[in-house]
Amino acid sequence: MQAVTPGQEKPVPGLDPVAARRWRERRRSESPWLHEEIGARMADRLGWIKQAPAQWLDWAPLNGGLQAHRLVAERYPEARVELLGQGAAAAADSLRRLSPRGWNPLKWLASGPALHDESGAAAGTAGLLWANMALHQEPLPRALLSRWLDLLAVNGFLMFSCLGPDSLRELRAVYAAQGWPAPCHDFTDMHDWGDMLIEVGYAEPVMDMERITLAYPDAKRLLRDLRDWGRNLNQARFAGLRGRGWAQAQERALEAGLPRNEQGQLLLSFEVNYGHAVKPAPRVRLESTSQVSVDQMRAMLRQPRA
């Protein structure tokens, strides 16, 4: 198992890393509703897992969904929570204000949950790392997966979701017909995510996928949602700002080119990939002379003997 560092990995082809960083650093006060819906569906998948973590980490919780965070917290009420990644402090403030009946986030906030930026958290301690809707906008996904692996305890598990390559296919078709650059970069296939998990050092990866189709009364409402969920990170996108005439032409093209349902609503579909994988016990190849770190030795000693 070997960690992947940013210097060892080439960025995702076609994804602008500067634009991705700026979008990730954008301040927001609410979680995108589509991310909340996907987070709720991912939380349902926790029912398949018997293991109850003593500690779990939520990566970029404001982007991933505060309501989804609550669902995980309610499933593991005794577990210690840590908030990591961009927007962790803002997420903690928002959770203080939510405080729904029957569940009080002040209780765990008062007990001192750790809030970290992307660079700081205790390695090797988390029983679960929860990462909703983050990977498809990450320029260096292998390095991020490796970072998450480092944060997990042995036998801890990763749960993540992201958009797949069939997302926005109707929008892509309209842009292609107009001769415009693609409205987004190419998303990674779920089978490639599975291969990447193995390469980084995870075990027992499980990937599954579903399609969600949304219906809109008009192009203006559709575009407003898309701007809330992300930005066009394609390096080949239009350079510079577009004017009012562009916005009107864009809406006309969508109204004319997107498919409609029987009620006349515009349709736009998303491929959502869900992933689950486990951090295995370290394996040391024994030679005539072998070097084993103290942490590796402790982890191996905790494993049952065959």
C-alpha atoms as a PDB file:
ATOM      1  CA  MET A   1       0.000   0.000   0.000  1.00  0.00           C
ATOM      2  CA  GLN A   2       1.612   3.273  -1.065  1.00  0.00           C
ATOM      3  CA  ALA A   3       0.223   6.753  -0.572  1.00  0.00           C
ATOM      4  CA  VAL A   4      -0.420   8.863  -3.651  1.00  0.00           C
ATOM      5  CA  THR A   5       0.761  12.456  -3.410  1.00  0.00           C
ATOM      6  CA  PRO A   6      -0.386  15.340  -5.643  1.00  0.00           C
ATOM      7  CA  GLY A   7       3.058  15.509  -7.271  1.00  0.00           C
ATOM      8  CA  GLN A   8       2.740  11.900  -8.447  1.00  0.00           C
ATOM      9  CA  GLU A   9      -0.659  12.272 -10.109  1.00  0.00           C
ATOM     10  CA  LYS A  10      -1.661  14.008 -13.321  1.00  0.00           C
ATOM     11  CA  PRO A  11      -4.887  16.050 -13.092  1.00  0.00           C
ATOM     12  CA  VAL A  12      -8.106  14.641 -14.534  1.00  0.00           C
ATOM     13  CA  PRO A  13      -8.014  15.318 -18.306  1.00  0.00           C
ATOM     14  CA  GLY A  14     -10.066  18.347 -19.299  1.00  0.00           C
ATOM     15  CA  LEU A  15     -10.766  19.483 -15.718  1.00  0.00           C
ATOM     16  CA  ASP A  16      -9.483  22.972 -14.872  1.00  0.00           C
ATOM     17  CA  PRO A  17      -7.810  22.660 -11.418  1.00  0.00           C
ATOM     18  CA  VAL A  18      -7.835  26.421 -10.780  1.00  0.00           C
ATOM     19  CA  ALA A  19     -11.575  26.662 -11.463  1.00  0.00           C
ATOM     20  CA  ALA A  20     -12.157  23.596  -9.287  1.00  0.00           C
ATOM     21  CA  ARG A  21     -10.246  25.159  -6.386  1.00  0.00           C
ATOM     22  CA  ARG A  22     -12.150  28.434  -6.696  1.00  0.00           C
ATOM     23  CA  TRP A  23     -15.474  26.622  -6.711  1.00  0.00           C
ATOM     24  CA  ARG A  24     -14.457  24.506  -3.719  1.00  0.00           C
ATOM     25  CA  GLU A  25     -13.458  27.643  -1.783  1.00  0.00           C
ATOM     26  CA  ARG A  26     -16.703  29.497  -2.583  1.00  0.00           C
ATOM     27  CA  ARG A  27     -18.619  30.324   0.578  1.00  0.00           C
ATOM     28  CA  ARG A  28     -22.129  28.982   0.862  1.00  0.00           C
ATOM     29  CA  SER A  29     -24.683  28.975   3.664  1.00  0.00           C
ATOM     30  CA  GLU A  30     -26.937  26.121   2.518  1.00  0.00           C
ATOM     31  CA  SER A  31     -26.435  22.663   1.087  1.00  0.00           C
ATOM     32  CA  PRO A  32     -27.572  21.966  -2.509  1.00  0.00           C
ATOM     33  CA  TRP A  33     -30.897  20.146  -2.480  1.00  0.00           C
ATOM     34  CA  LEU A  34     -29.779  17.575  -5.052  1.00  0.00           C
ATOM     35  CA  HIS A  35     -26.791  16.710  -2.856  1.00  0.00           C
ATOM     36  CA  GLU A  36     -29.177  16.286   0.078  1.00  0.00           C
ATOM     37  CA  GLU A  37     -31.299  13.866  -1.953  1.00  0.00           C
ATOM     38  CA  ILE A  38     -28.277  11.840  -3.050  1.00  0.00           C
ATOM     39  CA  GLY A  39     -26.913  11.892   0.501  1.00  0.00           C
ATOM     40  CA  ALA A  40     -30.206  10.492   1.810  1.00  0.00           C
ATOM     41  CA  ARG A  41     -30.041   7.681  -0.735  1.00  0.00           C
ATOM     42  CA  MET A  42     -26.458   6.942   0.266  1.00  0.00           C
ATOM     43  CA  ALA A  43     -27.465   6.940   3.944  1.00  0.00           C
ATOM     44  CA  ASP A  44     -30.011   4.214   3.151  1.00  0.00           C
ATOM     45  CA  ARG A  45     -27.098   2.078   1.971  1.00  0.00           C
ATOM     46  CA  LEU A  46     -25.612   2.157   5.476  1.00  0.00           C
ATOM     47  CA  GLY A  47     -28.299  -0.387   6.362  1.00  0.00           C
ATOM     48  CA  TRP A  48     -26.267  -2.977   4.452  1.00  0.00           C
ATOM     49  CA  ILE A  49     -23.306  -2.515   6.809  1.00  0.00           C
ATOM     50  CA  LYS A  50     -23.332  -4.184  10.221  1.00  0.00           C
ATOM     51  CA  GLN A  51     -20.243  -2.384  11.466  1.00  0.00           C
ATOM     52  CA  ALA A  52     -20.980   0.627  13.724  1.00  0.00           C
ATOM     53  CA  PRO A  53     -18.069   3.087  13.805  1.00  0.00           C
ATOM     54  CA  ALA A  54     -16.976   4.640  17.082  1.00  0.00           C
ATOM     55  CA  GLN A  55     -15.863   7.712  15.134  1.00  0.00           C
ATOM     56  CA  TRP A  56     -16.799   8.998  11.694  1.00  0.00           C
ATOM     57  CA  LEU A  57     -15.605  11.842   9.492  1.00  0.00           C
ATOM     58  CA  ASP A  58     -17.741  13.988   7.188  1.00  0.00           C
ATOM     59  CA  TRP A  59     -15.745  15.428   4.284  1.00  0.00           C
ATOM     60  CA  ALA A  60     -16.854  18.897   3.073  1.00  0.00           C
ATOM     61  CA  PRO A  61     -20.185  18.549   4.915  1.00  0.00           C
ATOM     62  CA  LEU A  62     -21.811  21.763   3.694  1.00  0.00           C
ATOM     63  CA  ASN A  63     -21.392  20.732   0.058  1.00  0.00           C
ATOM     64  CA  GLY A  64     -22.337  17.140   0.870  1.00  0.00           C
ATOM     65  CA  GLY A  65     -25.524  18.055   2.720  1.00  0.00           C
ATOM     66  CA  LEU A  66     -26.360  18.954   6.322  1.00  0.00           C
ATOM     67  CA  GLN A  67     -29.594  16.958   6.322  1.00  0.00           C
ATOM     68  CA  ALA A  68     -27.639  13.961   5.031  1.00  0.00           C
ATOM     69  CA  HIS A  69     -25.120  14.543   7.824  1.00  0.00           C
ATOM     70  CA  ARG A  70     -27.940  14.367  10.356  1.00  0.00           C
ATOM     71  CA  LEU A  71     -29.128  11.050   8.915  1.00  0.00           C
ATOM     72  CA  VAL A  72     -25.690   9.527   9.475  1.00  0.00           C
ATOM     73  CA  ALA A  73     -25.449  11.056  12.964  1.00  0.00           C
ATOM     74  CA  GLU A  74     -28.848   9.608  13.873  1.00  0.00           C
ATOM     75  CA  ARG A  75     -27.764   6.161  12.670  1.00  0.00           C
ATOM     76  CA  TYR A  76     -24.621   6.296  14.828  1.00  0.00           C
ATOM     77  CA  PRO A  77     -25.716   8.382  17.855  1.00  0.00           C
ATOM     78  CA  GLU A  78     -22.853   7.193  20.072  1.00  0.00           C
ATOM     79  CA  ALA A  79     -20.115   7.859  17.534  1.00  0.00           C
ATOM     80  CA  ARG A  80     -17.787  10.837  17.740  1.00  0.00           C
ATOM     81  CA  VAL A  81     -18.046  13.158  14.737  1.00  0.00           C
ATOM     82  CA  GLU A  82     -15.353  15.137  12.949  1.00  0.00           C
ATOM     83  CA  LEU A  83     -15.973  17.658  10.162  1.00  0.00           C
ATOM     84  CA  LEU A  84     -13.232  17.959   7.578  1.00  0.00           C
ATOM     85  CA  GLY A  85     -12.491  19.697   4.315  1.00  0.00           C
ATOM     86  CA  GLN A  86     -13.795  22.926   2.868  1.00  0.00           C
ATOM     87  CA  GLY A  87     -16.654  24.522   4.786  1.00  0.00           C
ATOM     88  CA  ALA A  88     -16.305  22.449   7.975  1.00  0.00           C
ATOM     89  CA  ALA A  89     -16.608  25.463  10.310  1.00  0.00           C
ATOM     90  CA  ALA A  90     -19.560  26.881   8.375  1.00  0.00           C
ATOM     91  CA  ALA A  91     -21.248  23.474   8.538  1.00  0.00           C
ATOM     92  CA  ALA A  92     -20.817  23.390  12.322  1.00  0.00           C
ATOM     93  CA  ASP A  93     -22.443  26.832  12.620  1.00  0.00           C
ATOM     94  CA  SER A  94     -25.356  25.736  10.442  1.00  0.00           C
ATOM     95  CA  LEU A  95     -25.862  22.550  12.454  1.00  0.00           C
ATOM     96  CA  ARG A  96     -26.092  24.609  15.644  1.00  0.00           C
ATOM     97  CA  ARG A  97     -29.003  26.525  14.132  1.00  0.00           C
ATOM     98  CA  LEU A  98     -30.838  23.449  12.810  1.00  0.00           C
ATOM     99  CA  SER A  99     -31.306  21.582  16.107  1.00  0.00           C
ATOM    100  CA  PRO A 100     -34.420  19.585  15.081  1.00  0.00           C
ATOM    101  CA  ARG A 101     -36.723  17.995  17.638  1.00  0.00           C
ATOM    102  CA  GLY A 102     -35.367  14.670  18.860  1.00  0.00           C
ATOM    103  CA  TRP A 103     -31.762  15.380  17.847  1.00  0.00           C
ATOM    104  CA  ASN A 104     -29.604  18.163  19.222  1.00  0.00           C
ATOM    105  CA  PRO A 105     -26.331  18.881  17.408  1.00  0.00           C
ATOM    106  CA  LEU A 106     -25.346  21.149  20.314  1.00  0.00           C
ATOM    107  CA  LYS A 107     -24.856  18.002  22.366  1.00  0.00           C
ATOM    108  CA  TRP A 108     -22.033  16.704  20.231  1.00  0.00           C
ATOM    109  CA  LEU A 109     -20.731  20.177  19.394  1.00  0.00           C
ATOM    110  CA  ALA A 110     -20.449  20.952  23.089  1.00  0.00           C
ATOM    111  CA  SER A 111     -18.465  17.749  23.629  1.00  0.00           C
ATOM    112  CA  GLY A 112     -15.743  19.113  21.366  1.00  0.00           C
ATOM    113  CA  PRO A 113     -15.910  17.510  17.901  1.00  0.00           C
ATOM    114  CA  ALA A 114     -12.833  18.348  15.889  1.00  0.00           C
ATOM    115  CA  LEU A 115     -13.131  20.784  13.007  1.00  0.00           C
ATOM    116  CA  HIS A 116     -10.358  20.555  10.445  1.00  0.00           C
ATOM    117  CA  ASP A 117      -9.351  22.060   7.149  1.00  0.00           C
ATOM    118  CA  GLU A 118      -8.236  19.725   4.366  1.00  0.00           C
ATOM    119  CA  SER A 119      -4.749  19.340   5.832  1.00  0.00           C
ATOM    120  CA  GLY A 120      -5.404  18.349   9.419  1.00  0.00           C
ATOM    121  CA  ALA A 121      -7.074  15.386  11.132  1.00  0.00           C
ATOM    122  CA  ALA A 122      -5.965  12.414  13.158  1.00  0.00           C
ATOM    123  CA  ALA A 123      -4.747   9.636  10.870  1.00  0.00           C
ATOM    124  CA  GLY A 124      -5.868   6.065  11.334  1.00  0.00           C
ATOM    125  CA  THR A 125      -8.799   6.769  13.664  1.00  0.00           C
ATOM    126  CA  ALA A 126     -12.041   6.881  11.662  1.00  0.00           C
ATOM    127  CA  GLY A 127     -14.372   3.932  11.419  1.00  0.00           C
ATOM    128  CA  LEU A 128     -16.246   5.672   8.568  1.00  0.00           C
ATOM    129  CA  LEU A 129     -15.326   8.446   6.172  1.00  0.00           C
ATOM    130  CA  TRP A 130     -18.421   9.964   4.552  1.00  0.00           C
ATOM    131  CA  ALA A 131     -17.850  11.922   1.317  1.00  0.00           C
ATOM    132  CA  ASN A 132     -20.981  12.943  -0.564  1.00  0.00           C
ATOM    133  CA  MET A 133     -20.740  14.515  -4.055  1.00  0.00           C
ATOM    134  CA  ALA A 134     -17.074  15.578  -3.882  1.00  0.00           C
ATOM    135  CA  LEU A 135     -14.957  13.342  -6.122  1.00  0.00           C
ATOM    136  CA  HIS A 136     -16.309  14.366  -9.547  1.00  0.00           C
ATOM    137  CA  GLN A 137     -15.009  17.923  -9.025  1.00  0.00           C
ATOM    138  CA  GLU A 138     -11.600  16.882  -7.696  1.00  0.00           C
ATOM    139  CA  PRO A 139      -8.633  17.389 -10.088  1.00  0.00           C
ATOM    140  CA  LEU A 140      -6.441  14.841  -8.210  1.00  0.00           C
ATOM    141  CA  PRO A 141      -8.829  12.079  -7.132  1.00  0.00           C
ATOM    142  CA  ARG A 142      -6.175   9.439  -6.415  1.00  0.00           C
ATOM    143  CA  ALA A 143      -4.416  11.744  -3.974  1.00  0.00           C
ATOM    144  CA  LEU A 144      -7.727  12.508  -2.254  1.00  0.00           C
ATOM    145  CA  LEU A 145      -8.646   8.807  -2.027  1.00  0.00           C
ATOM    146  CA  SER A 146      -5.202   8.161  -0.561  1.00  0.00           C
ATOM    147  CA  ARG A 147      -5.744  10.953   1.967  1.00  0.00           C
ATOM    148  CA  TRP A 148      -9.049   9.413   3.004  1.00  0.00           C
ATOM    149  CA  LEU A 149      -7.412   5.996   3.322  1.00  0.00           C
ATOM    150  CA  ASP A 150      -4.832   7.474   5.679  1.00  0.00           C
ATOM    151  CA  LEU A 151      -7.604   8.897   7.884  1.00  0.00           C
ATOM    152  CA  LEU A 152      -9.408   5.554   8.193  1.00  0.00           C
ATOM    153  CA  ALA A 153      -8.644   3.019  10.894  1.00  0.00           C
ATOM    154  CA  VAL A 154      -7.910  -0.547   9.845  1.00  0.00           C
ATOM    155  CA  ASN A 155     -11.236  -2.148   8.831  1.00  0.00           C
ATOM    156  CA  GLY A 156     -12.812   1.308   8.657  1.00  0.00           C
ATOM    157  CA  PHE A 157     -14.845   1.994   5.546  1.00  0.00           C
ATOM    158  CA  LEU A 158     -15.328   4.744   2.983  1.00  0.00           C
ATOM    159  CA  MET A 159     -18.753   5.761   1.658  1.00  0.00           C
ATOM    160  CA  PHE A 160     -18.827   8.201  -1.261  1.00  0.00           C
ATOM    161  CA  SER A 161     -20.996   9.394  -4.132  1.00  0.00           C
ATOM    162  CA  CYS A 162     -20.240  11.362  -7.289  1.00  0.00           C
ATOM    163  CA  LEU A 163     -21.612  12.049 -10.742  1.00  0.00           C
ATOM    164  CA  GLY A 164     -20.940   9.557 -13.534  1.00  0.00           C
ATOM    165  CA  PRO A 165     -20.241  10.048 -17.268  1.00  0.00           C
ATOM    166  CA  ASP A 166     -23.878   9.822 -18.397  1.00  0.00           C
ATOM    167  CA  SER A 167     -24.811  12.914 -16.360  1.00  0.00           C
ATOM    168  CA  LEU A 168     -26.206  15.924 -18.249  1.00  0.00           C
ATOM    169  CA  ARG A 169     -26.276  14.002 -21.530  1.00  0.00           C
ATOM    170  CA  GLU A 170     -29.285  16.003 -22.743  1.00  0.00           C
ATOM    171  CA  LEU A 171     -27.490  19.272 -21.989  1.00  0.00           C
ATOM    172  CA  ARG A 172     -24.335  18.039 -23.697  1.00  0.00           C
ATOM    173  CA  ALA A 173     -26.352  17.211 -26.822  1.00  0.00           C
ATOM    174  CA  VAL A 174     -27.826  20.735 -26.978  1.00  0.00           C
ATOM    175  CA  TYR A 175     -24.400  22.328 -26.617  1.00  0.00           C
ATOM    176  CA  ALA A 176     -22.932  20.064 -29.298  1.00  0.00           C
ATOM    177  CA  ALA A 177     -25.780  20.904 -31.689  1.00  0.00           C
ATOM    178  CA  GLN A 178     -25.078  24.623 -31.160  1.00  0.00           C
ATOM    179  CA  GLY A 179     -21.343  24.167 -31.720  1.00  0.00           C
ATOM    180  CA  TRP A 180     -20.590  25.331 -28.167  1.00  0.00           C
ATOM    181  CA  PRO A 181     -17.885  23.874 -25.888  1.00  0.00           C
ATOM    182  CA  ALA A 182     -19.159  21.120 -23.601  1.00  0.00           C
ATOM    183  CA  PRO A 183     -21.037  22.346 -20.502  1.00  0.00           C
ATOM    184  CA  CYS A 184     -18.895  20.266 -18.150  1.00  0.00           C
ATOM    185  CA  HIS A 185     -15.787  18.111 -18.061  1.00  0.00           C
ATOM    186  CA  ASP A 186     -15.979  14.346 -18.622  1.00  0.00           C
ATOM    187  CA  PHE A 187     -16.898  12.467 -15.443  1.00  0.00           C
ATOM    188  CA  THR A 188     -15.154   9.244 -14.415  1.00  0.00           C
ATOM    189  CA  ASP A 189     -16.825   5.866 -15.010  1.00  0.00           C
ATOM    190  CA  MET A 190     -17.734   3.849 -11.917  1.00  0.00           C
ATOM    191  CA  HIS A 191     -15.584   0.909 -13.032  1.00  0.00           C
ATOM    192  CA  ASP A 192     -12.604   3.238 -13.168  1.00  0.00           C
ATOM    193  CA  TRP A 193     -13.406   4.367  -9.624  1.00  0.00           C
ATOM    194  CA  GLY A 194     -13.349   0.725  -8.541  1.00  0.00           C
ATOM    195  CA  ASP A 195      -9.958   0.185 -10.164  1.00  0.00           C
ATOM    196  CA  MET A 196      -8.659   3.384  -8.579  1.00  0.00           C
ATOM    197  CA  LEU A 197      -9.732   2.259  -5.107  1.00  0.00           C
ATOM    198  CA  ILE A 198      -7.733  -0.957  -5.504  1.00  0.00           C
ATOM    199  CA  GLU A 199      -4.695   0.896  -6.842  1.00  0.00           C
ATOM    200  CA  VAL A 200      -4.686   3.289  -3.893  1.00  0.00           C
ATOM    201  CA  GLY A 201      -4.909   0.455  -1.356  1.00  0.00           C
ATOM    202  CA  TYR A 202      -8.562  -0.123  -0.465  1.00  0.00           C
ATOM    203  CA  ALA A 203     -10.092  -3.586  -0.255  1.00  0.00           C
ATOM    204  CA  GLU A 204     -13.502  -5.015  -1.157  1.00  0.00           C
ATOM    205  CA  PRO A 205     -14.683  -2.077  -3.290  1.00  0.00           C
ATOM    206  CA  VAL A 206     -18.358  -2.090  -4.226  1.00  0.00           C
ATOM    207  CA  MET A 207     -19.726   0.330  -6.823  1.00  0.00           C
ATOM    208  CA  ASP A 208     -23.304   0.810  -7.918  1.00  0.00           C
ATOM    209  CA  MET A 209     -25.135   3.375  -9.990  1.00  0.00           C
ATOM    210  CA  GLU A 210     -28.568   4.886 -10.489  1.00  0.00           C
ATOM    211  CA  ARG A 211     -30.038   7.494 -12.816  1.00  0.00           C
ATOM    212  CA  ILE A 212     -32.098  10.431 -11.607  1.00  0.00           C
ATOM    213  CA  THR A 213     -34.186  12.402 -14.106  1.00  0.00           C
ATOM    214  CA  LEU A 214     -35.398  15.866 -13.117  1.00  0.00           C
ATOM    215  CA  ALA A 215     -38.287  17.745 -14.746  1.00  0.00           C
ATOM    216  CA  TYR A 216     -38.321  21.548 -15.023  1.00  0.00           C
ATOM    217  CA  PRO A 217     -41.029  24.044 -16.041  1.00  0.00           C
ATOM    218  CA  ASP A 218     -38.529  26.186 -17.961  1.00  0.00           C
ATOM    219  CA  ALA A 219     -34.846  26.639 -18.791  1.00  0.00           C
ATOM    220  CA  LYS A 220     -34.371  29.524 -16.356  1.00  0.00           C
ATOM    221  CA  ARG A 221     -35.243  27.336 -13.361  1.00  0.00           C
ATOM    222  CA  LEU A 222     -33.046  24.510 -14.660  1.00  0.00           C
ATOM    223  CA  LEU A 223     -30.017  26.781 -15.069  1.00  0.00           C
ATOM    224  CA  ARG A 224     -30.505  28.242 -11.600  1.00  0.00           C
ATOM    225  CA  ASP A 225     -30.217  24.769 -10.083  1.00  0.00           C
ATOM    226  CA  LEU A 226     -27.162  23.894 -12.141  1.00  0.00           C
ATOM    227  CA  ARG A 227     -25.368  27.040 -10.959  1.00  0.00           C
ATOM    228  CA  ASP A 228     -26.114  26.090  -7.355  1.00  0.00           C
ATOM    229  CA  TRP A 229     -24.713  22.584  -7.759  1.00  0.00           C
ATOM    230  CA  GLY A 230     -21.459  23.416  -9.514  1.00  0.00           C
ATOM    231  CA  ARG A 231     -19.680  25.195 -12.312  1.00  0.00           C
ATOM    232  CA  ASN A 232     -18.413  24.262 -15.745  1.00  0.00           C
ATOM    233  CA  LEU A 233     -14.865  23.110 -14.935  1.00  0.00           C
ATOM    234  CA  ASN A 234     -14.099  22.113 -18.527  1.00  0.00           C
ATOM    235  CA  GLN A 235     -10.813  23.655 -19.664  1.00  0.00           C
ATOM    236  CA  ALA A 236     -12.333  24.144 -23.141  1.00  0.00           C
ATOM    237  CA  ARG A 237     -15.262  26.237 -21.852  1.00  0.00           C
ATOM    238  CA  PHE A 238     -15.937  29.734 -23.184  1.00  0.00           C
ATOM    239  CA  ALA A 239     -13.231  32.152 -22.032  1.00  0.00           C
ATOM    240  CA  GLY A 240     -14.298  35.274 -20.155  1.00  0.00           C
ATOM    241  CA  LEU A 241     -17.728  36.466 -19.109  1.00  0.00           C
ATOM    242  CA  ARG A 242     -20.752  36.031 -21.345  1.00  0.00           C
ATOM    243  CA  GLY A 243     -23.274  38.814 -21.867  1.00  0.00           C
ATOM    244  CA  ARG A 244     -27.054  39.060 -21.613  1.00  0.00           C
ATOM    245  CA  GLY A 245     -27.422  38.020 -25.226  1.00  0.00           C
ATOM    246  CA  TRP A 246     -25.627  34.753 -24.466  1.00  0.00           C
ATOM    247  CA  ALA A 247     -27.938  34.013 -21.552  1.00  0.00           C
ATOM    248  CA  GLN A 248     -30.994  34.549 -23.742  1.00  0.00           C
ATOM    249  CA  ALA A 249     -29.561  32.395 -26.542  1.00  0.00           C
ATOM    250  CA  GLN A 250     -28.725  29.675 -24.035  1.00  0.00           C
ATOM    251  CA  GLU A 251     -32.269  29.607 -22.650  1.00  0.00           C
ATOM    252  CA  ARG A 252     -33.769  29.511 -26.146  1.00  0.00           C
ATOM    253  CA  ALA A 253     -31.504  26.608 -27.135  1.00  0.00           C
ATOM    254  CA  LEU A 254     -32.453  24.631 -24.031  1.00  0.00           C
ATOM    255  CA  GLU A 255     -36.163  25.268 -24.484  1.00  0.00           C
ATOM    256  CA  ALA A 256     -35.929  24.056 -28.080  1.00  0.00           C
ATOM    257  CA  GLY A 257     -33.420  21.231 -27.687  1.00  0.00           C
ATOM    258  CA  LEU A 258     -34.018  19.465 -24.369  1.00  0.00           C
ATOM    259  CA  PRO A 259     -36.470  16.526 -24.290  1.00  0.00           C
ATOM    260  CA  ARG A 260     -39.821  17.003 -22.576  1.00  0.00           C
ATOM    261  CA  ASN A 261     -42.203  14.740 -20.677  1.00  0.00           C
ATOM    262  CA  GLU A 262     -45.930  14.406 -21.361  1.00  0.00           C
ATOM    263  CA  GLN A 263     -46.605  17.499 -19.263  1.00  0.00           C
ATOM    264  CA  GLY A 264     -44.209  19.551 -21.394  1.00  0.00           C
ATOM    265  CA  GLN A 265     -41.533  19.845 -18.727  1.00  0.00           C
ATOM    266  CA  LEU A 266     -37.858  19.901 -19.679  1.00  0.00           C
ATOM    267  CA  LEU A 267     -35.914  16.762 -18.713  1.00  0.00           C
ATOM    268  CA  LEU A 268     -32.345  16.503 -17.463  1.00  0.00           C
ATOM    269  CA  SER A 269     -30.748  13.290 -16.169  1.00  0.00           C
ATOM    270  CA  PHE A 270     -27.888  12.485 -13.821  1.00  0.00           C
ATOM    271  CA  GLU A 271     -25.878   9.307 -13.379  1.00  0.00           C
ATOM    272  CA  VAL A 272     -25.021   8.936  -9.697  1.00  0.00           C
ATOM    273  CA  ASN A 273     -22.222   6.590  -8.668  1.00  0.00           C
ATOM    274  CA  TYR A 274     -22.034   5.207  -5.121  1.00  0.00           C
ATOM    275  CA  GLY A 275     -18.878   3.636  -3.731  1.00  0.00           C
ATOM    276  CA  HIS A 276     -17.959   1.629  -0.655  1.00  0.00           C
ATOM    277  CA  ALA A 277     -14.545   0.234   0.266  1.00  0.00           C
ATOM    278  CA  VAL A 278     -12.623  -0.948   3.346  1.00  0.00           C
ATOM    279  CA  LYS A 279      -9.170  -0.121   4.652  1.00  0.00           C
ATOM    280  CA  PRO A 280      -7.417  -3.504   5.007  1.00  0.00           C
ATOM    281  CA  ALA A 281      -4.805  -4.479   7.566  1.00  0.00           C
ATOM    282  CA  PRO A 282      -1.308  -3.636   6.313  1.00  0.00           C
ATOM    283  CA  ARG A 283       0.551  -6.459   4.679  1.00  0.00           C
ATOM    284  CA  VAL A 284       4.299  -6.581   4.975  1.00  0.00           C
ATOM    285  CA  ARG A 285       6.323  -8.592   2.511  1.00  0.00           C
ATOM    286  CA  LEU A 286       8.795 -10.604   4.584  1.00  0.00           C
ATOM    287  CA  GLU A 287      12.360 -10.810   3.387  1.00  0.00           C
ATOM    288  CA  SER A 288      15.440 -12.165   5.170  1.00  0.00           C
ATOM    289  CA  THR A 289      15.441  -8.746   6.872  1.00  0.00           C
ATOM    290  CA  SER A 290      12.200  -6.730   7.069  1.00  0.00           C
ATOM    291  CA  GLN A 291      11.390  -3.306   8.434  1.00  0.00           C
ATOM    292  CA  VAL A 292       7.948  -2.815   9.997  1.00  0.00           C
ATOM    293  CA  SER A 293       6.666   0.435  11.473  1.00  0.00           C
ATOM    294  CA  VAL A 294       5.257   0.440  14.991  1.00  0.00           C
ATOM    295  CA  ASP A 295       1.802   1.354  13.666  1.00  0.00           C
ATOM    296  CA  GLN A 296       1.907  -1.535  11.169  1.00  0.00           C
ATOM    297  CA  MET A 297       2.986  -3.966  13.874  1.00  0.00           C
ATOM    298  CA  ARG A 298       0.184  -2.855  16.204  1.00  0.00           C
ATOM    299  CA  ALA A 299      -2.370  -3.212  13.413  1.00  0.00           C
ATOM    300  CA  MET A 300      -1.150  -6.720  12.525  1.00  0.00           C
ATOM    301  CA  LEU A 301      -1.185  -7.836  16.142  1.00  0.00           C
ATOM    302  CA  ARG A 302      -4.816  -6.768  16.469  1.00  0.00           C
ATOM    303  CA  GLN A 303      -5.848  -9.042  13.583  1.00  0.00           C
ATOM    304  CA  PRO A 304      -7.146 -12.549  14.405  1.00  0.00           C
ATOM    305  CA  ARG A 305      -4.781 -15.369  13.570  1.00  0.00           C
ATOM    306  CA  ALA A 306      -5.827 -17.827  10.864  1.00  0.00           C
END
